[in-house]
Structure formats: structure tokens, C-alpha cells
PDB file of N, CA and C in Angstrom:
ATOM      1  N   MET A   1     107.746  37.290 -37.906  1.00  0.00           N
ATOM      2  CA  MET A   1     106.339  37.601 -38.106  1.00  0.00           C
ATOM      3  C   MET A   1     106.147  38.131 -39.525  1.00  0.00           C
ATOM      4  N   ALA A   2     105.139  37.630 -40.210  1.00  0.00           N
ATOM      5  CA  ALA A   2     104.881  38.004 -41.599  1.00  0.00           C
ATOM      6  C   ALA A   2     104.251  39.389 -41.680  1.00  0.00           C
ATOM      7  N   LYS A   3     104.525  40.060 -42.784  1.00  0.00           N
ATOM      8  CA  LYS A   3     103.938  41.369 -43.034  1.00  0.00           C
ATOM      9  C   LYS A   3     102.452  41.194 -43.334  1.00  0.00           C
ATOM     10  N   LYS A   4     101.621  42.038 -42.755  1.00  0.00           N
ATOM     11  CA  LYS A   4     100.199  42.002 -43.050  1.00  0.00           C
ATOM     12  C   LYS A   4      99.966  42.643 -44.408  1.00  0.00           C
ATOM     13  N   ASN A   5      99.031  42.085 -45.159  1.00  0.00           N
ATOM     14  CA  ASN A   5      98.716  42.602 -46.485  1.00  0.00           C
ATOM     15  C   ASN A   5      97.312  43.183 -46.504  1.00  0.00           C
ATOM     16  N   TYR A   6      97.148  44.244 -47.276  1.00  0.00           N
ATOM     17  CA  TYR A   6      95.868  44.922 -47.361  1.00  0.00           C
ATOM     18  C   TYR A   6      95.490  45.158 -48.814  1.00  0.00           C
ATOM     19  N   LEU A   7      94.202  45.112 -49.081  1.00  0.00           N
ATOM     20  CA  LEU A   7      93.657  45.458 -50.378  1.00  0.00           C
ATOM     21  C   LEU A   7      93.024  46.831 -50.247  1.00  0.00           C
ATOM     22  N   VAL A   8      93.415  47.750 -51.104  1.00  0.00           N
ATOM     23  CA  VAL A   8      92.886  49.111 -51.071  1.00  0.00           C
ATOM     24  C   VAL A   8      92.109  49.345 -52.359  1.00  0.00           C
ATOM     25  N   THR A   9      90.866  49.792 -52.222  1.00  0.00           N
ATOM     26  CA  THR A   9      90.048  50.077 -53.394  1.00  0.00           C
ATOM     27  C   THR A   9      89.441  51.467 -53.287  1.00  0.00           C
ATOM     28  N   VAL A  10      89.193  52.066 -54.447  1.00  0.00           N
ATOM     29  CA  VAL A  10      88.559  53.378 -54.523  1.00  0.00           C
ATOM     30  C   VAL A  10      87.358  53.254 -55.455  1.00  0.00           C
ATOM     31  N   ASN A  11      86.207  53.724 -55.009  1.00  0.00           N
ATOM     32  CA  ASN A  11      85.021  53.753 -55.854  1.00  0.00           C
ATOM     33  C   ASN A  11      85.076  55.044 -56.668  1.00  0.00           C
ATOM     34  N   ASN A  12      85.506  54.938 -57.917  1.00  0.00           N
ATOM     35  CA  ASN A  12      85.665  56.128 -58.747  1.00  0.00           C
ATOM     36  C   ASN A  12      84.349  56.725 -59.216  1.00  0.00           C
ATOM     37  N   LYS A  13      83.244  55.995 -59.022  1.00  0.00           N
ATOM     38  CA  LYS A  13      81.942  56.545 -59.380  1.00  0.00           C
ATOM     39  C   LYS A  13      81.489  57.589 -58.368  1.00  0.00           C
ATOM     40  N   THR A  14      81.927  57.450 -57.113  1.00  0.00           N
ATOM     41  CA  THR A  14      81.518  58.409 -56.088  1.00  0.00           C
ATOM     42  C   THR A  14      82.643  59.347 -55.661  1.00  0.00           C
ATOM     43  N   CYS A  15      83.860  59.076 -56.107  1.00  0.00           N
ATOM     44  CA  CYS A  15      84.996  59.937 -55.769  1.00  0.00           C
ATOM     45  C   CYS A  15      84.810  61.294 -56.429  1.00  0.00           C
ATOM     46  N   LYS A  16      84.943  62.361 -55.629  1.00  0.00           N
ATOM     47  CA  LYS A  16      84.776  63.704 -56.179  1.00  0.00           C
ATOM     48  C   LYS A  16      86.110  64.445 -56.323  1.00  0.00           C
ATOM     49  N   ALA A  17      87.207  63.699 -56.286  1.00  0.00           N
ATOM     50  CA  ALA A  17      88.544  64.239 -56.538  1.00  0.00           C
ATOM     51  C   ALA A  17      88.963  65.301 -55.524  1.00  0.00           C
ATOM     52  N   CYS A  18      88.661  65.061 -54.250  1.00  0.00           N
ATOM     53  CA  CYS A  18      89.027  66.035 -53.225  1.00  0.00           C
ATOM     54  C   CYS A  18      90.514  65.965 -52.873  1.00  0.00           C
ATOM     55  N   GLY A  19      91.133  64.780 -53.063  1.00  0.00           N
ATOM     56  CA  GLY A  19      92.558  64.632 -52.796  1.00  0.00           C
ATOM     57  C   GLY A  19      92.927  64.319 -51.360  1.00  0.00           C
ATOM     58  N   VAL A  20      91.958  64.121 -50.506  1.00  0.00           N
ATOM     59  CA  VAL A  20      92.239  63.863 -49.091  1.00  0.00           C
ATOM     60  C   VAL A  20      93.046  62.579 -48.910  1.00  0.00           C
ATOM     61  N   CYS A  21      92.642  61.502 -49.574  1.00  0.00           N
ATOM     62  CA  CYS A  21      93.363  60.236 -49.408  1.00  0.00           C
ATOM     63  C   CYS A  21      94.793  60.353 -49.917  1.00  0.00           C
ATOM     64  N   VAL A  22      94.977  61.048 -51.010  1.00  0.00           N
ATOM     65  CA  VAL A  22      96.317  61.244 -51.567  1.00  0.00           C
ATOM     66  C   VAL A  22      97.182  62.044 -50.595  1.00  0.00           C
ATOM     67  N   ALA A  23      96.611  63.076 -50.022  1.00  0.00           N
ATOM     68  CA  ALA A  23      97.364  63.964 -49.128  1.00  0.00           C
ATOM     69  C   ALA A  23      97.717  63.322 -47.790  1.00  0.00           C
ATOM     70  N   PHE A  24      96.833  62.492 -47.260  1.00  0.00           N
ATOM     71  CA  PHE A  24      97.041  61.972 -45.913  1.00  0.00           C
ATOM     72  C   PHE A  24      97.616  60.564 -45.846  1.00  0.00           C
ATOM     73  N   CYS A  25      97.757  59.891 -46.973  1.00  0.00           N
ATOM     74  CA  CYS A  25      98.342  58.551 -46.944  1.00  0.00           C
ATOM     75  C   CYS A  25      99.828  58.661 -46.617  1.00  0.00           C
ATOM     76  N   PRO A  26     100.267  58.047 -45.516  1.00  0.00           N
ATOM     77  CA  PRO A  26     101.670  58.192 -45.102  1.00  0.00           C
ATOM     78  C   PRO A  26     102.656  57.405 -45.949  1.00  0.00           C
ATOM     79  N   VAL A  27     102.163  56.491 -46.797  1.00  0.00           N
ATOM     80  CA  VAL A  27     103.073  55.652 -47.582  1.00  0.00           C
ATOM     81  C   VAL A  27     102.815  55.738 -49.093  1.00  0.00           C
ATOM     82  N   SER A  28     102.087  56.744 -49.535  1.00  0.00           N
ATOM     83  CA  SER A  28     101.858  57.024 -50.962  1.00  0.00           C
ATOM     84  C   SER A  28     101.257  55.848 -51.727  1.00  0.00           C
ATOM     85  N   VAL A  29     100.144  55.349 -51.229  1.00  0.00           N
ATOM     86  CA  VAL A  29      99.422  54.288 -51.914  1.00  0.00           C
ATOM     87  C   VAL A  29      98.658  54.848 -53.117  1.00  0.00           C
ATOM     88  N   PHE A  30      98.280  56.128 -53.063  1.00  0.00           N
ATOM     89  CA  PHE A  30      97.409  56.731 -54.066  1.00  0.00           C
ATOM     90  C   PHE A  30      98.138  57.692 -54.999  1.00  0.00           C
ATOM     91  N   SER A  31      97.528  57.854 -56.167  1.00  0.00           N
ATOM     92  CA  SER A  31      97.890  58.909 -57.106  1.00  0.00           C
ATOM     93  C   SER A  31      96.560  59.407 -57.668  1.00  0.00           C
ATOM     94  N   THR A  32      96.604  60.211 -58.712  1.00  0.00           N
ATOM     95  CA  THR A  32      95.363  60.693 -59.317  1.00  0.00           C
ATOM     96  C   THR A  32      95.363  60.402 -60.808  1.00  0.00           C
ATOM     97  N   ASP A  33      94.156  60.263 -61.356  1.00  0.00           N
ATOM     98  CA  ASP A  33      94.023  60.045 -62.790  1.00  0.00           C
ATOM     99  C   ASP A  33      93.883  61.392 -63.496  1.00  0.00           C
ATOM    100  N   ASP A  34      93.549  61.370 -64.773  1.00  0.00           N
ATOM    101  CA  ASP A  34      93.441  62.603 -65.557  1.00  0.00           C
ATOM    102  C   ASP A  34      92.323  63.517 -65.073  1.00  0.00           C
ATOM    103  N   ASP A  35      91.348  62.951 -64.357  1.00  0.00           N
ATOM    104  CA  ASP A  35      90.246  63.747 -63.803  1.00  0.00           C
ATOM    105  C   ASP A  35      90.474  64.100 -62.339  1.00  0.00           C
ATOM    106  N   ASP A  36      91.696  63.890 -61.852  1.00  0.00           N
ATOM    107  CA  ASP A  36      92.093  64.144 -60.461  1.00  0.00           C
ATOM    108  C   ASP A  36      91.399  63.242 -59.448  1.00  0.00           C
ATOM    109  N   ARG A  37      90.810  62.151 -59.895  1.00  0.00           N
ATOM    110  CA  ARG A  37      90.223  61.181 -58.964  1.00  0.00           C
ATOM    111  C   ARG A  37      91.321  60.258 -58.462  1.00  0.00           C
ATOM    112  N   ALA A  38      91.147  59.769 -57.258  1.00  0.00           N
ATOM    113  CA  ALA A  38      92.140  58.900 -56.634  1.00  0.00           C
ATOM    114  C   ALA A  38      92.196  57.546 -57.329  1.00  0.00           C
ATOM    115  N   VAL A  39      93.416  57.060 -57.495  1.00  0.00           N
ATOM    116  CA  VAL A  39      93.641  55.709 -57.989  1.00  0.00           C
ATOM    117  C   VAL A  39      94.695  55.058 -57.109  1.00  0.00           C
ATOM    118  N   VAL A  40      94.556  53.763 -56.901  1.00  0.00           N
ATOM    119  CA  VAL A  40      95.518  53.013 -56.102  1.00  0.00           C
ATOM    120  C   VAL A  40      96.674  52.622 -57.011  1.00  0.00           C
ATOM    121  N   VAL A  41      97.885  53.030 -56.622  1.00  0.00           N
ATOM    122  CA  VAL A  41      99.063  52.721 -57.444  1.00  0.00           C
ATOM    123  C   VAL A  41     100.039  51.790 -56.748  1.00  0.00           C
ATOM    124  N   ALA A  42      99.925  51.616 -55.451  1.00  0.00           N
ATOM    125  CA  ALA A  42     100.879  50.779 -54.726  1.00  0.00           C
ATOM    126  C   ALA A  42     100.238  50.160 -53.489  1.00  0.00           C
ATOM    127  N   THR A  43      99.272  49.286 -53.702  1.00  0.00           N
ATOM    128  CA  THR A  43      98.568  48.671 -52.574  1.00  0.00           C
ATOM    129  C   THR A  43      99.516  47.879 -51.670  1.00  0.00           C
ATOM    130  N   GLU A  44     100.624  47.402 -52.224  1.00  0.00           N
ATOM    131  CA  GLU A  44     101.583  46.634 -51.418  1.00  0.00           C
ATOM    132  C   GLU A  44     102.250  47.479 -50.335  1.00  0.00           C
ATOM    133  N   ARG A  45     102.201  48.792 -50.464  1.00  0.00           N
ATOM    134  CA  ARG A  45     102.775  49.691 -49.448  1.00  0.00           C
ATOM    135  C   ARG A  45     101.852  49.904 -48.253  1.00  0.00           C
ATOM    136  N   CYS A  46     100.576  49.604 -48.408  1.00  0.00           N
ATOM    137  CA  CYS A  46      99.575  49.915 -47.384  1.00  0.00           C
ATOM    138  C   CYS A  46      99.928  49.263 -46.052  1.00  0.00           C
ATOM    139  N   THR A  47      99.863  50.055 -44.989  1.00  0.00           N
ATOM    140  CA  THR A  47     100.131  49.569 -43.637  1.00  0.00           C
ATOM    141  C   THR A  47      98.854  49.312 -42.852  1.00  0.00           C
ATOM    142  N   GLY A  48      97.702  49.621 -43.460  1.00  0.00           N
ATOM    143  CA  GLY A  48      96.426  49.391 -42.797  1.00  0.00           C
ATOM    144  C   GLY A  48      96.062  50.438 -41.766  1.00  0.00           C
ATOM    145  N   CYS A  49      96.658  51.615 -41.838  1.00  0.00           N
ATOM    146  CA  CYS A  49      96.382  52.654 -40.831  1.00  0.00           C
ATOM    147  C   CYS A  49      94.941  53.157 -40.893  1.00  0.00           C
ATOM    148  N   GLY A  50      94.319  53.097 -42.081  1.00  0.00           N
ATOM    149  CA  GLY A  50      92.921  53.472 -42.221  1.00  0.00           C
ATOM    150  C   GLY A  50      92.637  54.954 -42.345  1.00  0.00           C
ATOM    151  N   GLN A  51      93.664  55.778 -42.437  1.00  0.00           N
ATOM    152  CA  GLN A  51      93.434  57.229 -42.542  1.00  0.00           C
ATOM    153  C   GLN A  51      92.610  57.575 -43.774  1.00  0.00           C
ATOM    154  N   CYS A  52      92.868  56.901 -44.879  1.00  0.00           N
ATOM    155  CA  CYS A  52      92.135  57.187 -46.113  1.00  0.00           C
ATOM    156  C   CYS A  52      90.636  56.905 -45.926  1.00  0.00           C
ATOM    157  N   GLU A  53      90.310  55.793 -45.297  1.00  0.00           N
ATOM    158  CA  GLU A  53      88.907  55.452 -45.041  1.00  0.00           C
ATOM    159  C   GLU A  53      88.252  56.449 -44.102  1.00  0.00           C
ATOM    160  N   LEU A  54      88.949  56.777 -43.039  1.00  0.00           N
ATOM    161  CA  LEU A  54      88.395  57.679 -42.028  1.00  0.00           C
ATOM    162  C   LEU A  54      88.185  59.097 -42.537  1.00  0.00           C
ATOM    163  N   LEU A  55      89.084  59.559 -43.384  1.00  0.00           N
ATOM    164  CA  LEU A  55      89.042  60.955 -43.814  1.00  0.00           C
ATOM    165  C   LEU A  55      88.287  61.202 -45.111  1.00  0.00           C
ATOM    166  N   CYS A  56      88.014  60.164 -45.877  1.00  0.00           N
ATOM    167  CA  CYS A  56      87.291  60.340 -47.145  1.00  0.00           C
ATOM    168  C   CYS A  56      85.865  60.826 -46.852  1.00  0.00           C
ATOM    169  N   PRO A  57      85.510  62.018 -47.345  1.00  0.00           N
ATOM    170  CA  PRO A  57      84.183  62.563 -47.038  1.00  0.00           C
ATOM    171  C   PRO A  57      83.040  61.821 -47.726  1.00  0.00           C
ATOM    172  N   ASP A  58      83.348  61.041 -48.753  1.00  0.00           N
ATOM    173  CA  ASP A  58      82.303  60.338 -49.492  1.00  0.00           C
ATOM    174  C   ASP A  58      82.381  58.822 -49.364  1.00  0.00           C
ATOM    175  N   PHE A  59      83.210  58.345 -48.438  1.00  0.00           N
ATOM    176  CA  PHE A  59      83.338  56.909 -48.161  1.00  0.00           C
ATOM    177  C   PHE A  59      83.685  56.099 -49.414  1.00  0.00           C
ATOM    178  N   CYS A  60      84.584  56.646 -50.229  1.00  0.00           N
ATOM    179  CA  CYS A  60      84.975  56.009 -51.487  1.00  0.00           C
ATOM    180  C   CYS A  60      86.087  54.985 -51.317  1.00  0.00           C
ATOM    181  N   VAL A  61      86.829  55.081 -50.227  1.00  0.00           N
ATOM    182  CA  VAL A  61      88.010  54.242 -50.051  1.00  0.00           C
ATOM    183  C   VAL A  61      87.703  53.115 -49.068  1.00  0.00           C
ATOM    184  N   GLU A  62      88.176  51.925 -49.425  1.00  0.00           N
ATOM    185  CA  GLU A  62      88.011  50.779 -48.540  1.00  0.00           C
ATOM    186  C   GLU A  62      89.352  50.066 -48.403  1.00  0.00           C
ATOM    187  N   VAL A  63      89.723  49.791 -47.164  1.00  0.00           N
ATOM    188  CA  VAL A  63      90.938  49.037 -46.871  1.00  0.00           C
ATOM    189  C   VAL A  63      90.510  47.730 -46.216  1.00  0.00           C
ATOM    190  N   THR A  64      90.927  46.625 -46.810  1.00  0.00           N
ATOM    191  CA  THR A  64      90.548  45.312 -46.329  1.00  0.00           C
ATOM    192  C   THR A  64      91.798  44.503 -46.028  1.00  0.00           C
ATOM    193  N   HIS A  65      91.848  43.931 -44.828  1.00  0.00           N
ATOM    194  CA  HIS A  65      92.963  43.066 -44.456  1.00  0.00           C
ATOM    195  C   HIS A  65      92.821  41.756 -45.219  1.00  0.00           C
ATOM    196  N   ILE A  66      93.889  41.340 -45.872  1.00  0.00           N
ATOM    197  CA  ILE A  66      93.890  40.077 -46.601  1.00  0.00           C
ATOM    198  C   ILE A  66      94.430  39.004 -45.671  1.00  0.00           C
ATOM    199  N   GLU A  67      93.606  38.010 -45.409  1.00  0.00           N
ATOM    200  CA  GLU A  67      94.012  36.922 -44.536  1.00  0.00           C
ATOM    201  C   GLU A  67      95.093  36.093 -45.218  1.00  0.00           C
ATOM    202  N   GLU A  68      96.126  35.817 -44.464  1.00  0.00           N
ATOM    203  CA  GLU A  68      97.204  34.987 -44.980  1.00  0.00           C
ATOM    204  C   GLU A  68      96.862  33.529 -44.722  1.00  0.00           C
ATOM    205  N   THR A  69      97.122  32.695 -45.702  1.00  0.00           N
ATOM    206  CA  THR A  69      96.878  31.269 -45.522  1.00  0.00           C
ATOM    207  C   THR A  69      98.230  30.561 -45.422  1.00  0.00           C
ATOM    208  N   VAL A  70      98.237  29.533 -44.623  1.00  0.00           N
ATOM    209  CA  VAL A  70      99.457  28.748 -44.442  1.00  0.00           C
ATOM    210  C   VAL A  70      99.221  27.399 -45.102  1.00  0.00           C
ATOM    211  N   ASN A  71     100.055  27.080 -46.055  1.00  0.00           N
ATOM    212  CA  ASN A  71      99.944  25.782 -46.729  1.00  0.00           C
ATOM    213  C   ASN A  71     100.764  24.733 -45.998  1.00  0.00           C
ATOM    214  N   GLY A  72     100.203  23.574 -45.855  1.00  0.00           N
ATOM    215  CA  GLY A  72     100.994  22.520 -45.269  1.00  0.00           C
ATOM    216  C   GLY A  72     100.301  21.690 -44.344  1.00  0.00           C
TER     217      GLY A  72
END
């Protein structure tokens, strides 16, 4: 069975640098920039658990399942 892939994005215009997504991500997808706002550094690690989306107080984080295509 193939690994599921996810796209993780952060809206830095509305992110208030609370650090919740960084603290609760079980696989360290996030880090922070010079202004302490969340940035995605390893989207390939994402397991799709959705904790970042659920816990972000400003709805800045979005996790999207990337559909796999089969060629042939």
C-alpha cells in the first residue's frame, strides 16, 4: 500500500505566531520564521492527523490530501 501524501500550508498573513501547530505536530512538519510565525519545513513527513488544523485558533493551517494518480 502506498504512503498517503499531504500538502500543508500556513497563511502567514493571519498567523499570529502562537506556536500551537509547532508544539502539537507529532512529526515536526513546522518550524518558525524570524517573526515566530509558523512555516512548513517538511510537508513530506505529514501523516494527515489534522491536529494543526483543529488546534489553530485562527484557522491558518490547511492540510490537503494529495490524490495519487496511477499511470498506465
